[in-house]
Amino acid sequence: MAIKRHPSLAVHVGDWLKTDIVDPHGINVAALARHFGVSRQALSTLLNGHANLSADMAIRFEKAFGVKADTLLRMQTTYDLVQARAHEKDIAVTRLEVAA
């Protein structure tokens, strides 16, 4: 049986990055996007919780701010799983019985 996390414990990593990392450093999205070598739109979409964090972007944050890419990717995975669990009853798959 899987451990279920309460949905309120799962925060989109983009929102966390924005409020706990980017905003306190006083850098705007356009300047950070230039520093990262990515489009402003791509970074803004992530920071507003409308896109998932990629491994590549996680490494950029690690290099720029020192927050471990592994930690950021685990946050993203946890958020994704909580979102999926919220509608798991709609996933019509039964246990597969395999003959020995």
PDB file of N, CA and C in Angstrom:
ATOM      1  N   MET A   1       0.840  -1.176   0.000  1.00  0.00           N
ATOM      2  CA  MET A   1       0.000   0.000   0.000  1.00  0.00           C
ATOM      3  C   MET A   1       0.887   1.243   0.000  1.00  0.00           C
ATOM      4  N   ALA A   2       0.559   2.185  -0.835  1.00  0.00           N
ATOM      5  CA  ALA A   2       1.343   3.403  -0.957  1.00  0.00           C
ATOM      6  C   ALA A   2       0.990   4.383   0.152  1.00  0.00           C
ATOM      7  N   ILE A   3       2.010   5.110   0.584  1.00  0.00           N
ATOM      8  CA  ILE A   3       1.776   6.171   1.548  1.00  0.00           C
ATOM      9  C   ILE A   3       1.175   7.346   0.798  1.00  0.00           C
ATOM     10  N   LYS A   4       0.073   7.865   1.297  1.00  0.00           N
ATOM     11  CA  LYS A   4      -0.576   8.997   0.636  1.00  0.00           C
ATOM     12  C   LYS A   4      -0.245  10.273   1.390  1.00  0.00           C
ATOM     13  N   ARG A   5       0.198  11.258   0.652  1.00  0.00           N
ATOM     14  CA  ARG A   5       0.490  12.566   1.240  1.00  0.00           C
ATOM     15  C   ARG A   5      -0.748  13.441   1.120  1.00  0.00           C
ATOM     16  N   HIS A   6      -0.949  14.252   2.110  1.00  0.00           N
ATOM     17  CA  HIS A   6      -2.062  15.190   2.045  1.00  0.00           C
ATOM     18  C   HIS A   6      -1.735  16.210   0.957  1.00  0.00           C
ATOM     19  N   PRO A   7      -2.688  16.523   0.084  1.00  0.00           N
ATOM     20  CA  PRO A   7      -2.440  17.454  -1.024  1.00  0.00           C
ATOM     21  C   PRO A   7      -1.859  18.798  -0.597  1.00  0.00           C
ATOM     22  N   SER A   8      -2.167  19.245   0.606  1.00  0.00           N
ATOM     23  CA  SER A   8      -1.657  20.542   1.049  1.00  0.00           C
ATOM     24  C   SER A   8      -0.157  20.514   1.294  1.00  0.00           C
ATOM     25  N   LEU A   9       0.440  19.330   1.391  1.00  0.00           N
ATOM     26  CA  LEU A   9       1.881  19.215   1.613  1.00  0.00           C
ATOM     27  C   LEU A   9       2.679  19.274   0.316  1.00  0.00           C
ATOM     28  N   ALA A  10       2.022  19.141  -0.784  1.00  0.00           N
ATOM     29  CA  ALA A  10       2.702  19.154  -2.080  1.00  0.00           C
ATOM     30  C   ALA A  10       2.638  20.553  -2.686  1.00  0.00           C
ATOM     31  N   VAL A  11       3.786  21.155  -2.829  1.00  0.00           N
ATOM     32  CA  VAL A  11       3.885  22.493  -3.401  1.00  0.00           C
ATOM     33  C   VAL A  11       4.599  22.359  -4.742  1.00  0.00           C
ATOM     34  N   HIS A  12       4.073  23.023  -5.754  1.00  0.00           N
ATOM     35  CA  HIS A  12       4.748  23.007  -7.054  1.00  0.00           C
ATOM     36  C   HIS A  12       6.125  23.630  -6.880  1.00  0.00           C
ATOM     37  N   VAL A  13       7.132  22.963  -7.375  1.00  0.00           N
ATOM     38  CA  VAL A  13       8.502  23.419  -7.190  1.00  0.00           C
ATOM     39  C   VAL A  13       8.715  24.821  -7.768  1.00  0.00           C
ATOM     40  N   GLY A  14       7.998  25.164  -8.826  1.00  0.00           N
ATOM     41  CA  GLY A  14       8.125  26.497  -9.408  1.00  0.00           C
ATOM     42  C   GLY A  14       7.677  27.578  -8.442  1.00  0.00           C
ATOM     43  N   ASP A  15       6.579  27.331  -7.752  1.00  0.00           N
ATOM     44  CA  ASP A  15       6.082  28.285  -6.768  1.00  0.00           C
ATOM     45  C   ASP A  15       7.089  28.437  -5.633  1.00  0.00           C
ATOM     46  N   TRP A  16       7.636  27.328  -5.180  1.00  0.00           N
ATOM     47  CA  TRP A  16       8.628  27.361  -4.107  1.00  0.00           C
ATOM     48  C   TRP A  16       9.875  28.116  -4.553  1.00  0.00           C
ATOM     49  N   LEU A  17      10.342  27.835  -5.767  1.00  0.00           N
ATOM     50  CA  LEU A  17      11.520  28.535  -6.272  1.00  0.00           C
ATOM     51  C   LEU A  17      11.280  30.046  -6.335  1.00  0.00           C
ATOM     52  N   LYS A  18      10.099  30.411  -6.784  1.00  0.00           N
ATOM     53  CA  LYS A  18       9.783  31.836  -6.910  1.00  0.00           C
ATOM     54  C   LYS A  18       9.770  32.523  -5.546  1.00  0.00           C
ATOM     55  N   THR A  19       9.040  31.952  -4.594  1.00  0.00           N
ATOM     56  CA  THR A  19       8.856  32.619  -3.306  1.00  0.00           C
ATOM     57  C   THR A  19      10.050  32.488  -2.364  1.00  0.00           C
ATOM     58  N   ASP A  20      10.775  31.372  -2.439  1.00  0.00           N
ATOM     59  CA  ASP A  20      11.865  31.143  -1.485  1.00  0.00           C
ATOM     60  C   ASP A  20      13.262  31.378  -2.050  1.00  0.00           C
ATOM     61  N   ILE A  21      13.397  31.416  -3.354  1.00  0.00           N
ATOM     62  CA  ILE A  21      14.730  31.570  -3.947  1.00  0.00           C
ATOM     63  C   ILE A  21      14.825  32.836  -4.800  1.00  0.00           C
ATOM     64  N   VAL A  22      13.996  32.953  -5.811  1.00  0.00           N
ATOM     65  CA  VAL A  22      14.115  34.052  -6.780  1.00  0.00           C
ATOM     66  C   VAL A  22      13.745  35.392  -6.156  1.00  0.00           C
ATOM     67  N   ASP A  23      12.540  35.507  -5.583  1.00  0.00           N
ATOM     68  CA  ASP A  23      12.087  36.779  -5.015  1.00  0.00           C
ATOM     69  C   ASP A  23      13.026  37.320  -3.929  1.00  0.00           C
ATOM     70  N   PRO A  24      13.455  36.474  -2.974  1.00  0.00           N
ATOM     71  CA  PRO A  24      14.359  37.007  -1.942  1.00  0.00           C
ATOM     72  C   PRO A  24      15.689  37.536  -2.494  1.00  0.00           C
ATOM     73  N   HIS A  25      16.110  37.045  -3.648  1.00  0.00           N
ATOM     74  CA  HIS A  25      17.344  37.537  -4.256  1.00  0.00           C
ATOM     75  C   HIS A  25      17.120  38.835  -5.037  1.00  0.00           C
ATOM     76  N   GLY A  26      15.873  39.234  -5.185  1.00  0.00           N
ATOM     77  CA  GLY A  26      15.560  40.491  -5.839  1.00  0.00           C
ATOM     78  C   GLY A  26      15.869  40.546  -7.324  1.00  0.00           C
ATOM     79  N   ILE A  27      15.910  39.393  -7.961  1.00  0.00           N
ATOM     80  CA  ILE A  27      16.181  39.343  -9.402  1.00  0.00           C
ATOM     81  C   ILE A  27      14.867  39.138 -10.142  1.00  0.00           C
ATOM     82  N   ASN A  28      14.706  39.832 -11.258  1.00  0.00           N
ATOM     83  CA  ASN A  28      13.456  39.643 -12.002  1.00  0.00           C
ATOM     84  C   ASN A  28      13.599  38.474 -12.981  1.00  0.00           C
ATOM     85  N   VAL A  29      12.473  38.010 -13.461  1.00  0.00           N
ATOM     86  CA  VAL A  29      12.431  36.816 -14.302  1.00  0.00           C
ATOM     87  C   VAL A  29      13.232  37.012 -15.588  1.00  0.00           C
ATOM     88  N   ALA A  30      13.127  38.179 -16.205  1.00  0.00           N
ATOM     89  CA  ALA A  30      13.845  38.421 -17.464  1.00  0.00           C
ATOM     90  C   ALA A  30      15.358  38.345 -17.256  1.00  0.00           C
ATOM     91  N   ALA A  31      15.839  38.945 -16.182  1.00  0.00           N
ATOM     92  CA  ALA A  31      17.281  38.921 -15.903  1.00  0.00           C
ATOM     93  C   ALA A  31      17.751  37.508 -15.578  1.00  0.00           C
ATOM     94  N   LEU A  32      16.958  36.782 -14.806  1.00  0.00           N
ATOM     95  CA  LEU A  32      17.329  35.410 -14.468  1.00  0.00           C
ATOM     96  C   LEU A  32      17.307  34.519 -15.707  1.00  0.00           C
ATOM     97  N   ALA A  33      16.330  34.710 -16.568  1.00  0.00           N
ATOM     98  CA  ALA A  33      16.250  33.930 -17.807  1.00  0.00           C
ATOM     99  C   ALA A  33      17.496  34.180 -18.665  1.00  0.00           C
ATOM    100  N   ARG A  34      17.914  35.433 -18.765  1.00  0.00           N
ATOM    101  CA  ARG A  34      19.142  35.741 -19.522  1.00  0.00           C
ATOM    102  C   ARG A  34      20.350  35.048 -18.897  1.00  0.00           C
ATOM    103  N   HIS A  35      20.433  35.101 -17.566  1.00  0.00           N
ATOM    104  CA  HIS A  35      21.541  34.453 -16.858  1.00  0.00           C
ATOM    105  C   HIS A  35      21.544  32.943 -17.100  1.00  0.00           C
ATOM    106  N   PHE A  36      20.363  32.352 -17.139  1.00  0.00           N
ATOM    107  CA  PHE A  36      20.219  30.911 -17.359  1.00  0.00           C
ATOM    108  C   PHE A  36      20.376  30.517 -18.824  1.00  0.00           C
ATOM    109  N   GLY A  37      20.219  31.472 -19.739  1.00  0.00           N
ATOM    110  CA  GLY A  37      20.256  31.146 -21.168  1.00  0.00           C
ATOM    111  C   GLY A  37      18.986  30.465 -21.646  1.00  0.00           C
ATOM    112  N   VAL A  38      17.856  30.854 -21.039  1.00  0.00           N
ATOM    113  CA  VAL A  38      16.552  30.307 -21.433  1.00  0.00           C
ATOM    114  C   VAL A  38      15.621  31.469 -21.740  1.00  0.00           C
ATOM    115  N   SER A  39      14.469  31.166 -22.317  1.00  0.00           N
ATOM    116  CA  SER A  39      13.515  32.239 -22.611  1.00  0.00           C
ATOM    117  C   SER A  39      12.826  32.698 -21.328  1.00  0.00           C
ATOM    118  N   ARG A  40      12.441  33.952 -21.312  1.00  0.00           N
ATOM    119  CA  ARG A  40      11.706  34.504 -20.185  1.00  0.00           C
ATOM    120  C   ARG A  40      10.398  33.753 -20.010  1.00  0.00           C
ATOM    121  N   GLN A  41       9.762  33.432 -21.128  1.00  0.00           N
ATOM    122  CA  GLN A  41       8.479  32.726 -21.078  1.00  0.00           C
ATOM    123  C   GLN A  41       8.620  31.350 -20.423  1.00  0.00           C
ATOM    124  N   ALA A  42       9.660  30.608 -20.782  1.00  0.00           N
ATOM    125  CA  ALA A  42       9.863  29.274 -20.205  1.00  0.00           C
ATOM    126  C   ALA A  42      10.065  29.361 -18.696  1.00  0.00           C
ATOM    127  N   LEU A  43      10.870  30.314 -18.255  1.00  0.00           N
ATOM    128  CA  LEU A  43      11.126  30.459 -16.821  1.00  0.00           C
ATOM    129  C   LEU A  43       9.881  30.939 -16.092  1.00  0.00           C
ATOM    130  N   SER A  44       9.182  31.894 -16.662  1.00  0.00           N
ATOM    131  CA  SER A  44       7.958  32.414 -16.057  1.00  0.00           C
ATOM    132  C   SER A  44       6.907  31.322 -15.930  1.00  0.00           C
ATOM    133  N   THR A  45       6.771  30.509 -16.945  1.00  0.00           N
ATOM    134  CA  THR A  45       5.793  29.416 -16.924  1.00  0.00           C
ATOM    135  C   THR A  45       6.096  28.449 -15.791  1.00  0.00           C
ATOM    136  N   LEU A  46       7.371  28.132 -15.593  1.00  0.00           N
ATOM    137  CA  LEU A  46       7.775  27.254 -14.487  1.00  0.00           C
ATOM    138  C   LEU A  46       7.475  27.915 -13.145  1.00  0.00           C
ATOM    139  N   LEU A  47       7.936  29.148 -12.969  1.00  0.00           N
ATOM    140  CA  LEU A  47       7.796  29.826 -11.679  1.00  0.00           C
ATOM    141  C   LEU A  47       6.346  30.088 -11.296  1.00  0.00           C
ATOM    142  N   ASN A  48       5.453  30.119 -12.277  1.00  0.00           N
ATOM    143  CA  ASN A  48       4.031  30.304 -11.995  1.00  0.00           C
ATOM    144  C   ASN A  48       3.277  28.979 -11.887  1.00  0.00           C
ATOM    145  N   GLY A  49       4.013  27.866 -11.901  1.00  0.00           N
ATOM    146  CA  GLY A  49       3.396  26.557 -11.680  1.00  0.00           C
ATOM    147  C   GLY A  49       2.659  25.978 -12.863  1.00  0.00           C
ATOM    148  N   HIS A  50       2.951  26.494 -14.069  1.00  0.00           N
ATOM    149  CA  HIS A  50       2.254  26.006 -15.260  1.00  0.00           C
ATOM    150  C   HIS A  50       3.092  25.048 -16.097  1.00  0.00           C
ATOM    151  N   ALA A  51       4.306  24.766 -15.649  1.00  0.00           N
ATOM    152  CA  ALA A  51       5.172  23.810 -16.345  1.00  0.00           C
ATOM    153  C   ALA A  51       5.967  23.040 -15.303  1.00  0.00           C
ATOM    154  N   ASN A  52       6.329  21.836 -15.637  1.00  0.00           N
ATOM    155  CA  ASN A  52       7.138  21.012 -14.748  1.00  0.00           C
ATOM    156  C   ASN A  52       8.607  21.388 -14.853  1.00  0.00           C
ATOM    157  N   LEU A  53       9.330  21.146 -13.790  1.00  0.00           N
ATOM    158  CA  LEU A  53      10.760  21.382 -13.743  1.00  0.00           C
ATOM    159  C   LEU A  53      11.480  20.269 -14.483  1.00  0.00           C
ATOM    160  N   SER A  54      12.345  20.640 -15.416  1.00  0.00           N
ATOM    161  CA  SER A  54      13.162  19.653 -16.119  1.00  0.00           C
ATOM    162  C   SER A  54      14.475  19.458 -15.361  1.00  0.00           C
ATOM    163  N   ALA A  55      15.152  18.370 -15.638  1.00  0.00           N
ATOM    164  CA  ALA A  55      16.459  18.123 -15.020  1.00  0.00           C
ATOM    165  C   ALA A  55      17.444  19.221 -15.403  1.00  0.00           C
ATOM    166  N   ASP A  56      17.388  19.660 -16.643  1.00  0.00           N
ATOM    167  CA  ASP A  56      18.261  20.721 -17.123  1.00  0.00           C
ATOM    168  C   ASP A  56      18.043  22.015 -16.329  1.00  0.00           C
ATOM    169  N   MET A  57      16.806  22.389 -16.132  1.00  0.00           N
ATOM    170  CA  MET A  57      16.495  23.611 -15.391  1.00  0.00           C
ATOM    171  C   MET A  57      16.875  23.453 -13.921  1.00  0.00           C
ATOM    172  N   ALA A  58      16.699  22.256 -13.368  1.00  0.00           N
ATOM    173  CA  ALA A  58      17.088  22.013 -11.980  1.00  0.00           C
ATOM    174  C   ALA A  58      18.594  22.239 -11.805  1.00  0.00           C
ATOM    175  N   ILE A  59      19.376  21.815 -12.774  1.00  0.00           N
ATOM    176  CA  ILE A  59      20.824  22.020 -12.703  1.00  0.00           C
ATOM    177  C   ILE A  59      21.156  23.503 -12.795  1.00  0.00           C
ATOM    178  N   ARG A  60      20.425  24.237 -13.608  1.00  0.00           N
ATOM    179  CA  ARG A  60      20.647  25.692 -13.697  1.00  0.00           C
ATOM    180  C   ARG A  60      20.410  26.357 -12.338  1.00  0.00           C
ATOM    181  N   PHE A  61      19.328  25.973 -11.655  1.00  0.00           N
ATOM    182  CA  PHE A  61      19.064  26.531 -10.331  1.00  0.00           C
ATOM    183  C   PHE A  61      20.136  26.103  -9.332  1.00  0.00           C
ATOM    184  N   GLU A  62      20.594  24.874  -9.433  1.00  0.00           N
ATOM    185  CA  GLU A  62      21.649  24.397  -8.548  1.00  0.00           C
ATOM    186  C   GLU A  62      22.917  25.228  -8.728  1.00  0.00           C
ATOM    187  N   LYS A  63      23.301  25.457  -9.980  1.00  0.00           N
ATOM    188  CA  LYS A  63      24.508  26.219 -10.253  1.00  0.00           C
ATOM    189  C   LYS A  63      24.378  27.679  -9.810  1.00  0.00           C
ATOM    190  N   ALA A  64      23.215  28.266 -10.009  1.00  0.00           N
ATOM    191  CA  ALA A  64      23.026  29.681  -9.698  1.00  0.00           C
ATOM    192  C   ALA A  64      22.809  29.951  -8.209  1.00  0.00           C
ATOM    193  N   PHE A  65      22.079  29.062  -7.529  1.00  0.00           N
ATOM    194  CA  PHE A  65      21.667  29.344  -6.154  1.00  0.00           C
ATOM    195  C   PHE A  65      22.149  28.326  -5.127  1.00  0.00           C
ATOM    196  N   GLY A  66      22.723  27.210  -5.575  1.00  0.00           N
ATOM    197  CA  GLY A  66      23.245  26.223  -4.644  1.00  0.00           C
ATOM    198  C   GLY A  66      22.234  25.212  -4.117  1.00  0.00           C
ATOM    199  N   VAL A  67      20.982  25.324  -4.536  1.00  0.00           N
ATOM    200  CA  VAL A  67      19.974  24.350  -4.108  1.00  0.00           C
ATOM    201  C   VAL A  67      20.131  23.103  -4.978  1.00  0.00           C
ATOM    202  N   LYS A  68      20.187  21.942  -4.350  1.00  0.00           N
ATOM    203  CA  LYS A  68      20.478  20.700  -5.065  1.00  0.00           C
ATOM    204  C   LYS A  68      19.406  20.349  -6.098  1.00  0.00           C
ATOM    205  N   ALA A  69      19.848  20.023  -7.293  1.00  0.00           N
ATOM    206  CA  ALA A  69      18.943  19.631  -8.369  1.00  0.00           C
ATOM    207  C   ALA A  69      18.125  18.406  -7.967  1.00  0.00           C
ATOM    208  N   ASP A  70      18.738  17.479  -7.258  1.00  0.00           N
ATOM    209  CA  ASP A  70      18.045  16.262  -6.818  1.00  0.00           C
ATOM    210  C   ASP A  70      16.845  16.614  -5.936  1.00  0.00           C
ATOM    211  N   THR A  71      17.046  17.551  -5.038  1.00  0.00           N
ATOM    212  CA  THR A  71      15.978  17.971  -4.138  1.00  0.00           C
ATOM    213  C   THR A  71      14.836  18.602  -4.927  1.00  0.00           C
ATOM    214  N   LEU A  72      15.176  19.462  -5.871  1.00  0.00           N
ATOM    215  CA  LEU A  72      14.159  20.115  -6.678  1.00  0.00           C
ATOM    216  C   LEU A  72      13.359  19.109  -7.493  1.00  0.00           C
ATOM    217  N   LEU A  73      14.037  18.121  -8.052  1.00  0.00           N
ATOM    218  CA  LEU A  73      13.346  17.113  -8.858  1.00  0.00           C
ATOM    219  C   LEU A  73      12.471  16.215  -7.992  1.00  0.00           C
ATOM    220  N   ARG A  74      12.899  15.938  -6.765  1.00  0.00           N
ATOM    221  CA  ARG A  74      12.048  15.169  -5.851  1.00  0.00           C
ATOM    222  C   ARG A  74      10.796  15.965  -5.491  1.00  0.00           C
ATOM    223  N   MET A  75      10.953  17.278  -5.306  1.00  0.00           N
ATOM    224  CA  MET A  75       9.781  18.118  -5.035  1.00  0.00           C
ATOM    225  C   MET A  75       8.800  18.055  -6.197  1.00  0.00           C
ATOM    226  N   GLN A  76       9.315  18.111  -7.426  1.00  0.00           N
ATOM    227  CA  GLN A  76       8.450  18.050  -8.599  1.00  0.00           C
ATOM    228  C   GLN A  76       7.736  16.709  -8.678  1.00  0.00           C
ATOM    229  N   THR A  77       8.464  15.625  -8.431  1.00  0.00           N
ATOM    230  CA  THR A  77       7.875  14.286  -8.492  1.00  0.00           C
ATOM    231  C   THR A  77       6.803  14.104  -7.420  1.00  0.00           C
ATOM    232  N   THR A  78       7.063  14.595  -6.234  1.00  0.00           N
ATOM    233  CA  THR A  78       6.078  14.504  -5.155  1.00  0.00           C
ATOM    234  C   THR A  78       4.807  15.251  -5.529  1.00  0.00           C
ATOM    235  N   TYR A  79       4.963  16.445  -6.071  1.00  0.00           N
ATOM    236  CA  TYR A  79       3.808  17.236  -6.496  1.00  0.00           C
ATOM    237  C   TYR A  79       3.018  16.488  -7.577  1.00  0.00           C
ATOM    238  N   ASP A  80       3.728  15.955  -8.570  1.00  0.00           N
ATOM    239  CA  ASP A  80       3.064  15.230  -9.657  1.00  0.00           C
ATOM    240  C   ASP A  80       2.294  14.021  -9.139  1.00  0.00           C
ATOM    241  N   LEU A  81       2.891  13.287  -8.201  1.00  0.00           N
ATOM    242  CA  LEU A  81       2.231  12.098  -7.673  1.00  0.00           C
ATOM    243  C   LEU A  81       0.984  12.463  -6.869  1.00  0.00           C
ATOM    244  N   VAL A  82       1.058  13.509  -6.080  1.00  0.00           N
ATOM    245  CA  VAL A  82      -0.117  13.953  -5.323  1.00  0.00           C
ATOM    246  C   VAL A  82      -1.242  14.350  -6.279  1.00  0.00           C
ATOM    247  N   GLN A  83      -0.887  15.034  -7.359  1.00  0.00           N
ATOM    248  CA  GLN A  83      -1.904  15.420  -8.347  1.00  0.00           C
ATOM    249  C   GLN A  83      -2.530  14.185  -8.992  1.00  0.00           C
ATOM    250  N   ALA A  84      -1.723  13.186  -9.314  1.00  0.00           N
ATOM    251  CA  ALA A  84      -2.235  11.956  -9.926  1.00  0.00           C
ATOM    252  C   ALA A  84      -3.103  11.173  -8.946  1.00  0.00           C
ATOM    253  N   ARG A  85      -2.673  11.111  -7.680  1.00  0.00           N
ATOM    254  CA  ARG A  85      -3.449  10.383  -6.664  1.00  0.00           C
ATOM    255  C   ARG A  85      -4.826  11.001  -6.464  1.00  0.00           C
ATOM    256  N   ALA A  86      -4.935  12.284  -6.704  1.00  0.00           N
ATOM    257  CA  ALA A  86      -6.218  12.965  -6.518  1.00  0.00           C
ATOM    258  C   ALA A  86      -7.289  12.414  -7.457  1.00  0.00           C
ATOM    259  N   HIS A  87      -6.880  11.818  -8.564  1.00  0.00           N
ATOM    260  CA  HIS A  87      -7.868  11.259  -9.495  1.00  0.00           C
ATOM    261  C   HIS A  87      -7.562   9.798  -9.839  1.00  0.00           C
ATOM    262  N   GLU A  88      -6.897   9.103  -8.925  1.00  0.00           N
ATOM    263  CA  GLU A  88      -6.540   7.714  -9.208  1.00  0.00           C
ATOM    264  C   GLU A  88      -7.756   6.808  -9.378  1.00  0.00           C
ATOM    265  N   LYS A  89      -8.874   7.185  -8.785  1.00  0.00           N
ATOM    266  CA  LYS A  89     -10.087   6.361  -8.944  1.00  0.00           C
ATOM    267  C   LYS A  89     -10.565   6.351 -10.389  1.00  0.00           C
ATOM    268  N   ASP A  90     -10.154   7.338 -11.176  1.00  0.00           N
ATOM    269  CA  ASP A  90     -10.536   7.419 -12.583  1.00  0.00           C
ATOM    270  C   ASP A  90      -9.622   6.589 -13.489  1.00  0.00           C
ATOM    271  N   ILE A  91      -8.568   6.042 -12.917  1.00  0.00           N
ATOM    272  CA  ILE A  91      -7.633   5.235 -13.701  1.00  0.00           C
ATOM    273  C   ILE A  91      -8.089   3.782 -13.599  1.00  0.00           C
ATOM    274  N   ALA A  92      -8.664   3.287 -14.672  1.00  0.00           N
ATOM    275  CA  ALA A  92      -9.291   1.963 -14.676  1.00  0.00           C
ATOM    276  C   ALA A  92      -8.299   0.874 -15.062  1.00  0.00           C
ATOM    277  N   VAL A  93      -7.459   0.517 -14.119  1.00  0.00           N
ATOM    278  CA  VAL A  93      -6.499  -0.557 -14.343  1.00  0.00           C
ATOM    279  C   VAL A  93      -6.595  -1.505 -13.154  1.00  0.00           C
ATOM    280  N   THR A  94      -6.625  -2.795 -13.446  1.00  0.00           N
ATOM    281  CA  THR A  94      -6.656  -3.790 -12.377  1.00  0.00           C
ATOM    282  C   THR A  94      -5.315  -4.498 -12.297  1.00  0.00           C
ATOM    283  N   ARG A  95      -5.111  -5.213 -11.237  1.00  0.00           N
ATOM    284  CA  ARG A  95      -3.858  -5.957 -11.011  1.00  0.00           C
ATOM    285  C   ARG A  95      -3.699  -6.978 -12.127  1.00  0.00           C
ATOM    286  N   LEU A  96      -2.514  -7.072 -12.665  1.00  0.00           N
ATOM    287  CA  LEU A  96      -2.195  -8.032 -13.706  1.00  0.00           C
ATOM    288  C   LEU A  96      -1.757  -9.350 -13.068  1.00  0.00           C
ATOM    289  N   GLU A  97      -2.461 -10.402 -13.392  1.00  0.00           N
ATOM    290  CA  GLU A  97      -2.118 -11.730 -12.877  1.00  0.00           C
ATOM    291  C   GLU A  97      -1.268 -12.431 -13.930  1.00  0.00           C
ATOM    292  N   VAL A  98      -0.061 -12.751 -13.564  1.00  0.00           N
ATOM    293  CA  VAL A  98       0.857 -13.398 -14.493  1.00  0.00           C
ATOM    294  C   VAL A  98       1.006 -14.857 -14.107  1.00  0.00           C
ATOM    295  N   ALA A  99       0.869 -15.745 -15.101  1.00  0.00           N
ATOM    296  CA  ALA A  99       1.017 -17.177 -14.843  1.00  0.00           C
ATOM    297  C   ALA A  99       2.480 -17.495 -14.581  1.00  0.00           C
ATOM    298  N   ALA A 100       2.724 -18.360 -13.599  1.00  0.00           N
ATOM    299  CA  ALA A 100       4.093 -18.725 -13.247  1.00  0.00           C
ATOM    300  C   ALA A 100       4.651 -19.803 -14.129  1.00  0.00           C
TER     301      ALA A 100
END
